[in-house]
Structure formats: C-alpha cells, structure tokens
Amino acid sequence: LGGILIASWGGFKHHLHTTLLAGGVYGTIMIGLGTAHV
C-alpha cells in the first residue's frame, strides 16, 4: 500500500521532506505498537 501511495502521489517536491515525514510517522506508530493491548 505504501508503494502504491508513493508511486501515485510522488511525495513532496523536496524529496527528503517526504522521508522526514515518514520517519516521524514511523516513530509515532512504533509508540503505538508499544501501547497496543489487543
């Protein structure tokens, strides 16, 4: 799904802004993984 997203969207004009956003989201979801109870 992520591959389809980046292929269709293309990301921000400054490519690494996309990487930084994804990195921030990844970190947030890691916290979510750690707090998942079900």
All heavy atoms as atom14 arrays in JSON, in Angstrom:
{
  "sequence": "LGGILIASWGGFKHHLHTTLLAGGVYGTIMIGLGTAHV",
  "atom14_mask": [
    [1, 1, 1, 1, 1, 1, 1, 1, 0, 0, 0, 0, 0, 0],
    [1, 1, 1, 1, 0, 0, 0, 0, 0, 0, 0, 0, 0, 0],
    [1, 1, 1, 1, 0, 0, 0, 0, 0, 0, 0, 0, 0, 0],
    [1, 1, 1, 1, 1, 1, 1, 1, 0, 0, 0, 0, 0, 0],
    [1, 1, 1, 1, 1, 1, 1, 1, 0, 0, 0, 0, 0, 0],
    [1, 1, 1, 1, 1, 1, 1, 1, 0, 0, 0, 0, 0, 0],
    [1, 1, 1, 1, 1, 0, 0, 0, 0, 0, 0, 0, 0, 0],
    [1, 1, 1, 1, 1, 1, 0, 0, 0, 0, 0, 0, 0, 0],
    [1, 1, 1, 1, 1, 1, 1, 1, 1, 1, 1, 1, 1, 1],
    [1, 1, 1, 1, 0, 0, 0, 0, 0, 0, 0, 0, 0, 0],
    [1, 1, 1, 1, 0, 0, 0, 0, 0, 0, 0, 0, 0, 0],
    [1, 1, 1, 1, 1, 1, 1, 1, 1, 1, 1, 0, 0, 0],
    [1, 1, 1, 1, 1, 1, 1, 1, 1, 0, 0, 0, 0, 0],
    [1, 1, 1, 1, 1, 1, 1, 1, 1, 1, 0, 0, 0, 0],
    [1, 1, 1, 1, 1, 1, 1, 1, 1, 1, 0, 0, 0, 0],
    [1, 1, 1, 1, 1, 1, 1, 1, 0, 0, 0, 0, 0, 0],
    [1, 1, 1, 1, 1, 1, 1, 1, 1, 1, 0, 0, 0, 0],
    [1, 1, 1, 1, 1, 1, 1, 0, 0, 0, 0, 0, 0, 0],
    [1, 1, 1, 1, 1, 1, 1, 0, 0, 0, 0, 0, 0, 0],
    [1, 1, 1, 1, 1, 1, 1, 1, 0, 0, 0, 0, 0, 0],
    [1, 1, 1, 1, 1, 1, 1, 1, 0, 0, 0, 0, 0, 0],
    [1, 1, 1, 1, 1, 0, 0, 0, 0, 0, 0, 0, 0, 0],
    [1, 1, 1, 1, 0, 0, 0, 0, 0, 0, 0, 0, 0, 0],
    [1, 1, 1, 1, 0, 0, 0, 0, 0, 0, 0, 0, 0, 0],
    [1, 1, 1, 1, 1, 1, 1, 0, 0, 0, 0, 0, 0, 0],
    [1, 1, 1, 1, 1, 1, 1, 1, 1, 1, 1, 1, 0, 0],
    [1, 1, 1, 1, 0, 0, 0, 0, 0, 0, 0, 0, 0, 0],
    [1, 1, 1, 1, 1, 1, 1, 0, 0, 0, 0, 0, 0, 0],
    [1, 1, 1, 1, 1, 1, 1, 1, 0, 0, 0, 0, 0, 0],
    [1, 1, 1, 1, 1, 1, 1, 1, 0, 0, 0, 0, 0, 0],
    [1, 1, 1, 1, 1, 1, 1, 1, 0, 0, 0, 0, 0, 0],
    [1, 1, 1, 1, 0, 0, 0, 0, 0, 0, 0, 0, 0, 0],
    [1, 1, 1, 1, 1, 1, 1, 1, 0, 0, 0, 0, 0, 0],
    [1, 1, 1, 1, 0, 0, 0, 0, 0, 0, 0, 0, 0, 0],
    [1, 1, 1, 1, 1, 1, 1, 0, 0, 0, 0, 0, 0, 0],
    [1, 1, 1, 1, 1, 0, 0, 0, 0, 0, 0, 0, 0, 0],
    [1, 1, 1, 1, 1, 1, 1, 1, 1, 1, 0, 0, 0, 0],
    [1, 1, 1, 1, 1, 1, 1, 0, 0, 0, 0, 0, 0, 0]
  ],
  "atom14_positions": [
    [[0.83, -1.21, 0.0], [0.0, 0.0, 0.0], [0.86, 1.26, 0.0], [0.56, 2.24, -0.69], [-0.93, 0.0, 1.22], [-1.94, -1.15, 1.29], [-2.71, -1.1, 2.61], [-2.9, -1.09, 0.11], [0.0, 0.0, 0.0], [0.0, 0.0, 0.0], [0.0, 0.0, 0.0], [0.0, 0.0, 0.0], [0.0, 0.0, 0.0], [0.0, 0.0, 0.0]],
    [[1.97, 1.22, 0.77], [2.88, 2.37, 0.79], [3.54, 2.6, -0.55], [3.74, 3.76, -0.97], [0.0, 0.0, 0.0], [0.0, 0.0, 0.0], [0.0, 0.0, 0.0], [0.0, 0.0, 0.0], [0.0, 0.0, 0.0], [0.0, 0.0, 0.0], [0.0, 0.0, 0.0], [0.0, 0.0, 0.0], [0.0, 0.0, 0.0], [0.0, 0.0, 0.0]],
    [[3.9, 1.52, -1.23], [4.5, 1.64, -2.56], [3.52, 2.25, -3.55], [3.89, 3.1, -4.36], [0.0, 0.0, 0.0], [0.0, 0.0, 0.0], [0.0, 0.0, 0.0], [0.0, 0.0, 0.0], [0.0, 0.0, 0.0], [0.0, 0.0, 0.0], [0.0, 0.0, 0.0], [0.0, 0.0, 0.0], [0.0, 0.0, 0.0], [0.0, 0.0, 0.0]],
    [[2.26, 1.83, -3.47], [1.23, 2.41, -4.35], [1.05, 3.9, -4.03], [0.93, 4.74, -4.94], [-0.11, 1.66, -4.17], [0.02, 0.22, -4.68], [-1.24, 2.39, -4.89], [-1.18, -0.65, -4.36], [0.0, 0.0, 0.0], [0.0, 0.0, 0.0], [0.0, 0.0, 0.0], [0.0, 0.0, 0.0], [0.0, 0.0, 0.0], [0.0, 0.0, 0.0]],
    [[1.08, 4.24, -2.74], [0.91, 5.64, -2.31], [2.02, 6.52, -2.87], [1.75, 7.56, -3.48], [0.89, 5.71, -0.78], [0.9, 7.12, -0.17], [-0.35, 7.89, -0.57], [1.02, 7.04, 1.36], [0.0, 0.0, 0.0], [0.0, 0.0, 0.0], [0.0, 0.0, 0.0], [0.0, 0.0, 0.0], [0.0, 0.0, 0.0], [0.0, 0.0, 0.0]],
    [[3.28, 6.11, -2.69], [4.39, 6.96, -3.12], [4.48, 7.01, -4.64], [4.89, 8.02, -5.23], [5.72, 6.51, -2.48], [6.8, 7.6, -2.63], [6.22, 5.2, -3.07], [6.52, 8.86, -1.88], [0.0, 0.0, 0.0], [0.0, 0.0, 0.0], [0.0, 0.0, 0.0], [0.0, 0.0, 0.0], [0.0, 0.0, 0.0], [0.0, 0.0, 0.0]],
    [[4.08, 5.91, -5.32], [4.12, 5.89, -6.79], [3.06, 6.81, -7.38], [3.3, 7.47, -8.4], [3.93, 4.46, -7.29], [0.0, 0.0, 0.0], [0.0, 0.0, 0.0], [0.0, 0.0, 0.0], [0.0, 0.0, 0.0], [0.0, 0.0, 0.0], [0.0, 0.0, 0.0], [0.0, 0.0, 0.0], [0.0, 0.0, 0.0], [0.0, 0.0, 0.0]],
    [[1.88, 6.87, -6.75], [0.79, 7.71, -7.28], [0.92, 9.16, -6.83], [0.64, 10.08, -7.59], [-0.56, 7.14, -6.84], [-0.62, 7.03, -5.42], [0.0, 0.0, 0.0], [0.0, 0.0, 0.0], [0.0, 0.0, 0.0], [0.0, 0.0, 0.0], [0.0, 0.0, 0.0], [0.0, 0.0, 0.0], [0.0, 0.0, 0.0], [0.0, 0.0, 0.0]],
    [[1.37, 9.36, -5.58], [1.49, 10.7, -5.03], [2.77, 11.38, -5.5], [2.77, 12.52, -5.95], [1.44, 10.62, -3.5], [1.8, 11.89, -2.77], [1.52, 13.17, -3.13], [2.54, 11.98, -1.54], [2.02, 14.06, -2.2], [2.66, 13.35, -1.22], [3.1, 11.05, -0.69], [3.33, 13.79, -0.08], [3.74, 11.48, 0.45], [3.86, 12.84, 0.75]],
    [[3.88, 10.69, -5.42], [5.16, 11.26, -5.84], [5.9, 12.0, -4.73], [7.05, 12.38, -4.91], [0.0, 0.0, 0.0], [0.0, 0.0, 0.0], [0.0, 0.0, 0.0], [0.0, 0.0, 0.0], [0.0, 0.0, 0.0], [0.0, 0.0, 0.0], [0.0, 0.0, 0.0], [0.0, 0.0, 0.0], [0.0, 0.0, 0.0], [0.0, 0.0, 0.0]],
    [[5.26, 12.21, -3.6], [5.93, 12.88, -2.49], [6.04, 14.38, -2.68], [5.58, 14.95, -3.67], [0.0, 0.0, 0.0], [0.0, 0.0, 0.0], [0.0, 0.0, 0.0], [0.0, 0.0, 0.0], [0.0, 0.0, 0.0], [0.0, 0.0, 0.0], [0.0, 0.0, 0.0], [0.0, 0.0, 0.0], [0.0, 0.0, 0.0], [0.0, 0.0, 0.0]],
    [[6.67, 15.05, -1.69], [6.89, 16.49, -1.77], [7.95, 16.81, -2.82], [8.77, 15.96, -3.19], [7.33, 17.04, -0.41], [6.29, 16.87, 0.67], [6.58, 16.13, 1.81], [5.04, 17.45, 0.55], [5.65, 15.96, 2.81], [4.09, 17.29, 1.55], [4.39, 16.54, 2.68], [0.0, 0.0, 0.0], [0.0, 0.0, 0.0], [0.0, 0.0, 0.0]],
    [[7.96, 18.06, -3.27], [8.95, 18.48, -4.26], [10.36, 18.28, -3.72], [11.26, 17.83, -4.44], [8.73, 19.95, -4.63], [9.64, 20.44, -5.74], [9.31, 21.88, -6.13], [10.23, 22.35, -7.25], [9.95, 23.76, -7.64], [0.0, 0.0, 0.0], [0.0, 0.0, 0.0], [0.0, 0.0, 0.0], [0.0, 0.0, 0.0], [0.0, 0.0, 0.0]],
    [[10.59, 18.64, -2.46], [11.86, 18.33, -1.79], [11.71, 16.91, -1.25], [11.04, 16.68, -0.25], [12.11, 19.33, -0.67], [13.49, 19.23, -0.06], [14.07, 18.04, 0.29], [14.4, 20.18, 0.26], [15.27, 18.24, 0.8], [15.49, 19.55, 0.78], [0.0, 0.0, 0.0], [0.0, 0.0, 0.0], [0.0, 0.0, 0.0], [0.0, 0.0, 0.0]],
    [[12.33, 15.97, -1.93], [12.07, 14.55, -1.66], [12.29, 14.16, -0.2], [11.53, 13.37, 0.37], [12.96, 13.67, -2.55], [12.75, 13.91, -4.02], [11.5, 14.09, -4.58], [13.64, 13.98, -5.06], [11.62, 14.28, -5.88], [12.9, 14.21, -6.19], [0.0, 0.0, 0.0], [0.0, 0.0, 0.0], [0.0, 0.0, 0.0], [0.0, 0.0, 0.0]],
    [[13.33, 14.71, 0.43], [13.65, 14.28, 1.78], [12.67, 14.81, 2.82], [12.64, 14.32, 3.95], [15.09, 14.67, 2.14], [16.16, 13.92, 1.35], [17.55, 14.28, 1.84], [15.96, 12.4, 1.45], [0.0, 0.0, 0.0], [0.0, 0.0, 0.0], [0.0, 0.0, 0.0], [0.0, 0.0, 0.0], [0.0, 0.0, 0.0], [0.0, 0.0, 0.0]],
    [[11.85, 15.8, 2.45], [10.76, 16.19, 3.35], [9.77, 15.03, 3.49], [9.18, 14.82, 4.56], [10.04, 17.43, 2.81], [10.83, 18.69, 2.97], [10.43, 19.91, 2.47], [12.03, 18.91, 3.58], [11.34, 20.84, 2.77], [12.31, 20.25, 3.44], [0.0, 0.0, 0.0], [0.0, 0.0, 0.0], [0.0, 0.0, 0.0], [0.0, 0.0, 0.0]],
    [[9.61, 14.26, 2.41], [8.76, 13.07, 2.47], [9.37, 12.03, 3.4], [8.67, 11.42, 4.22], [8.59, 12.47, 1.06], [8.21, 13.49, 0.14], [7.54, 11.37, 1.06], [0.0, 0.0, 0.0], [0.0, 0.0, 0.0], [0.0, 0.0, 0.0], [0.0, 0.0, 0.0], [0.0, 0.0, 0.0], [0.0, 0.0, 0.0], [0.0, 0.0, 0.0]],
    [[10.68, 11.85, 3.29], [11.38, 10.9, 4.16], [11.25, 11.31, 5.63], [11.0, 10.47, 6.5], [12.87, 10.8, 3.77], [12.97, 10.16, 2.49], [13.67, 10.01, 4.79], [0.0, 0.0, 0.0], [0.0, 0.0, 0.0], [0.0, 0.0, 0.0], [0.0, 0.0, 0.0], [0.0, 0.0, 0.0], [0.0, 0.0, 0.0], [0.0, 0.0, 0.0]],
    [[11.43, 12.6, 5.92], [11.34, 13.07, 7.3], [9.93, 12.92, 7.85], [9.74, 12.55, 9.02], [11.8, 14.53, 7.38], [13.29, 14.78, 7.12], [13.59, 16.28, 7.11], [14.15, 14.08, 8.17], [0.0, 0.0, 0.0], [0.0, 0.0, 0.0], [0.0, 0.0, 0.0], [0.0, 0.0, 0.0], [0.0, 0.0, 0.0], [0.0, 0.0, 0.0]],
    [[8.93, 13.2, 7.01], [7.54, 13.0, 7.45], [7.3, 11.52, 7.74], [6.73, 11.17, 8.78], [6.58, 13.48, 6.36], [5.09, 13.2, 6.62], [4.61, 13.92, 7.88], [4.24, 13.61, 5.42], [0.0, 0.0, 0.0], [0.0, 0.0, 0.0], [0.0, 0.0, 0.0], [0.0, 0.0, 0.0], [0.0, 0.0, 0.0], [0.0, 0.0, 0.0]],
    [[7.76, 10.65, 6.83], [7.59, 9.21, 7.03], [8.32, 8.74, 8.28], [7.82, 7.89, 9.02], [8.08, 8.45, 5.8], [0.0, 0.0, 0.0], [0.0, 0.0, 0.0], [0.0, 0.0, 0.0], [0.0, 0.0, 0.0], [0.0, 0.0, 0.0], [0.0, 0.0, 0.0], [0.0, 0.0, 0.0], [0.0, 0.0, 0.0], [0.0, 0.0, 0.0]],
    [[9.52, 9.31, 8.52], [10.28, 8.96, 9.72], [9.53, 9.34, 10.99], [9.46, 8.57, 11.95], [0.0, 0.0, 0.0], [0.0, 0.0, 0.0], [0.0, 0.0, 0.0], [0.0, 0.0, 0.0], [0.0, 0.0, 0.0], [0.0, 0.0, 0.0], [0.0, 0.0, 0.0], [0.0, 0.0, 0.0], [0.0, 0.0, 0.0], [0.0, 0.0, 0.0]],
    [[8.95, 10.54, 10.98], [8.18, 10.98, 12.14], [6.95, 10.11, 12.38], [6.64, 9.75, 13.52], [0.0, 0.0, 0.0], [0.0, 0.0, 0.0], [0.0, 0.0, 0.0], [0.0, 0.0, 0.0], [0.0, 0.0, 0.0], [0.0, 0.0, 0.0], [0.0, 0.0, 0.0], [0.0, 0.0, 0.0], [0.0, 0.0, 0.0], [0.0, 0.0, 0.0]],
    [[6.26, 9.78, 11.29], [5.08, 8.91, 11.4], [5.5, 7.52, 11.87], [4.82, 6.91, 12.71], [4.34, 8.84, 10.04], [3.21, 7.81, 10.1], [3.78, 10.2, 9.66], [0.0, 0.0, 0.0], [0.0, 0.0, 0.0], [0.0, 0.0, 0.0], [0.0, 0.0, 0.0], [0.0, 0.0, 0.0], [0.0, 0.0, 0.0], [0.0, 0.0, 0.0]],
    [[6.61, 7.02, 11.34], [7.12, 5.7, 11.73], [7.37, 5.66, 13.24], [6.97, 4.72, 13.93], [8.41, 5.39, 10.97], [8.85, 3.94, 11.0], [8.84, 3.18, 9.84], [9.29, 3.33, 12.17], [9.25, 1.85, 9.84], [9.68, 2.0, 12.19], [9.66, 1.27, 11.03], [10.05, -0.04, 11.05], [0.0, 0.0, 0.0], [0.0, 0.0, 0.0]],
    [[8.05, 6.7, 13.75], [8.32, 6.77, 15.19], [7.04, 6.8, 16.01], [6.93, 6.12, 17.04], [0.0, 0.0, 0.0], [0.0, 0.0, 0.0], [0.0, 0.0, 0.0], [0.0, 0.0, 0.0], [0.0, 0.0, 0.0], [0.0, 0.0, 0.0], [0.0, 0.0, 0.0], [0.0, 0.0, 0.0], [0.0, 0.0, 0.0], [0.0, 0.0, 0.0]],
    [[6.05, 7.56, 15.54], [4.76, 7.64, 16.23], [4.07, 6.28, 16.27], [3.52, 5.87, 17.31], [3.85, 8.67, 15.54], [4.52, 9.94, 15.48], [2.53, 8.82, 16.28], [0.0, 0.0, 0.0], [0.0, 0.0, 0.0], [0.0, 0.0, 0.0], [0.0, 0.0, 0.0], [0.0, 0.0, 0.0], [0.0, 0.0, 0.0], [0.0, 0.0, 0.0]],
    [[4.13, 5.56, 15.14], [3.48, 4.24, 15.08], [4.24, 3.23, 15.94], [3.62, 2.32, 16.52], [3.36, 3.76, 13.62], [2.53, 4.75, 12.8], [2.71, 2.38, 13.57], [2.52, 4.47, 11.32], [0.0, 0.0, 0.0], [0.0, 0.0, 0.0], [0.0, 0.0, 0.0], [0.0, 0.0, 0.0], [0.0, 0.0, 0.0], [0.0, 0.0, 0.0]],
    [[5.57, 3.35, 16.03], [6.32, 2.49, 16.95], [5.82, 2.65, 18.38], [5.68, 1.67, 19.12], [7.82, 2.8, 16.88], [8.54, 2.23, 15.68], [10.31, 2.63, 15.67], [10.91, 1.6, 17.03], [0.0, 0.0, 0.0], [0.0, 0.0, 0.0], [0.0, 0.0, 0.0], [0.0, 0.0, 0.0], [0.0, 0.0, 0.0], [0.0, 0.0, 0.0]],
    [[5.54, 3.9, 18.76], [4.97, 4.15, 20.1], [3.6, 3.46, 20.2], [3.27, 2.84, 21.21], [4.84, 5.66, 20.35], [6.22, 6.32, 20.34], [4.11, 5.93, 21.67], [6.18, 7.85, 20.36], [0.0, 0.0, 0.0], [0.0, 0.0, 0.0], [0.0, 0.0, 0.0], [0.0, 0.0, 0.0], [0.0, 0.0, 0.0], [0.0, 0.0, 0.0]],
    [[2.82, 3.54, 19.1], [1.52, 2.87, 19.07], [1.64, 1.36, 19.2], [0.83, 0.72, 19.89], [0.0, 0.0, 0.0], [0.0, 0.0, 0.0], [0.0, 0.0, 0.0], [0.0, 0.0, 0.0], [0.0, 0.0, 0.0], [0.0, 0.0, 0.0], [0.0, 0.0, 0.0], [0.0, 0.0, 0.0], [0.0, 0.0, 0.0], [0.0, 0.0, 0.0]],
    [[2.64, 0.78, 18.54], [2.89, -0.66, 18.66], [3.15, -1.04, 20.12], [2.67, -2.06, 20.61], [4.1, -1.07, 17.82], [3.9, -1.39, 16.34], [5.24, -1.71, 15.69], [2.95, -2.56, 16.14], [0.0, 0.0, 0.0], [0.0, 0.0, 0.0], [0.0, 0.0, 0.0], [0.0, 0.0, 0.0], [0.0, 0.0, 0.0], [0.0, 0.0, 0.0]],
    [[3.94, -0.2, 20.78], [4.29, -0.48, 22.17], [3.14, -0.35, 23.14], [3.19, -0.89, 24.25], [0.0, 0.0, 0.0], [0.0, 0.0, 0.0], [0.0, 0.0, 0.0], [0.0, 0.0, 0.0], [0.0, 0.0, 0.0], [0.0, 0.0, 0.0], [0.0, 0.0, 0.0], [0.0, 0.0, 0.0], [0.0, 0.0, 0.0], [0.0, 0.0, 0.0]],
    [[2.1, 0.36, 22.71], [0.94, 0.56, 23.6], [-0.27, -0.28, 23.17], [-1.34, -0.14, 23.76], [0.54, 2.05, 23.64], [0.27, 2.5, 22.3], [1.65, 2.9, 24.24], [0.0, 0.0, 0.0], [0.0, 0.0, 0.0], [0.0, 0.0, 0.0], [0.0, 0.0, 0.0], [0.0, 0.0, 0.0], [0.0, 0.0, 0.0], [0.0, 0.0, 0.0]],
    [[-0.1, -1.11, 22.14], [-1.22, -1.94, 21.65], [-1.51, -3.06, 22.66], [-0.63, -3.84, 23.0], [-0.88, -2.53, 20.29], [0.0, 0.0, 0.0], [0.0, 0.0, 0.0], [0.0, 0.0, 0.0], [0.0, 0.0, 0.0], [0.0, 0.0, 0.0], [0.0, 0.0, 0.0], [0.0, 0.0, 0.0], [0.0, 0.0, 0.0], [0.0, 0.0, 0.0]],
    [[-2.76, -3.14, 23.11], [-3.14, -4.13, 24.12], [-3.96, -5.28, 23.54], [-4.17, -6.28, 24.22], [-3.93, -3.45, 25.25], [-3.13, -2.43, 25.99], [-1.99, -2.75, 26.7], [-3.29, -1.08, 26.11], [-1.49, -1.65, 27.24], [-2.25, -0.63, 26.9], [0.0, 0.0, 0.0], [0.0, 0.0, 0.0], [0.0, 0.0, 0.0], [0.0, 0.0, 0.0]],
    [[-4.47, -5.1, 22.31], [-5.22, -6.17, 21.66], [-4.55, -6.47, 20.33], [-3.95, -5.6, 19.69], [-6.7, -5.8, 21.44], [-7.41, -5.68, 22.78], [-6.83, -4.5, 20.65], [0.0, 0.0, 0.0], [0.0, 0.0, 0.0], [0.0, 0.0, 0.0], [0.0, 0.0, 0.0], [0.0, 0.0, 0.0], [0.0, 0.0, 0.0], [0.0, 0.0, 0.0]]
  ]
}
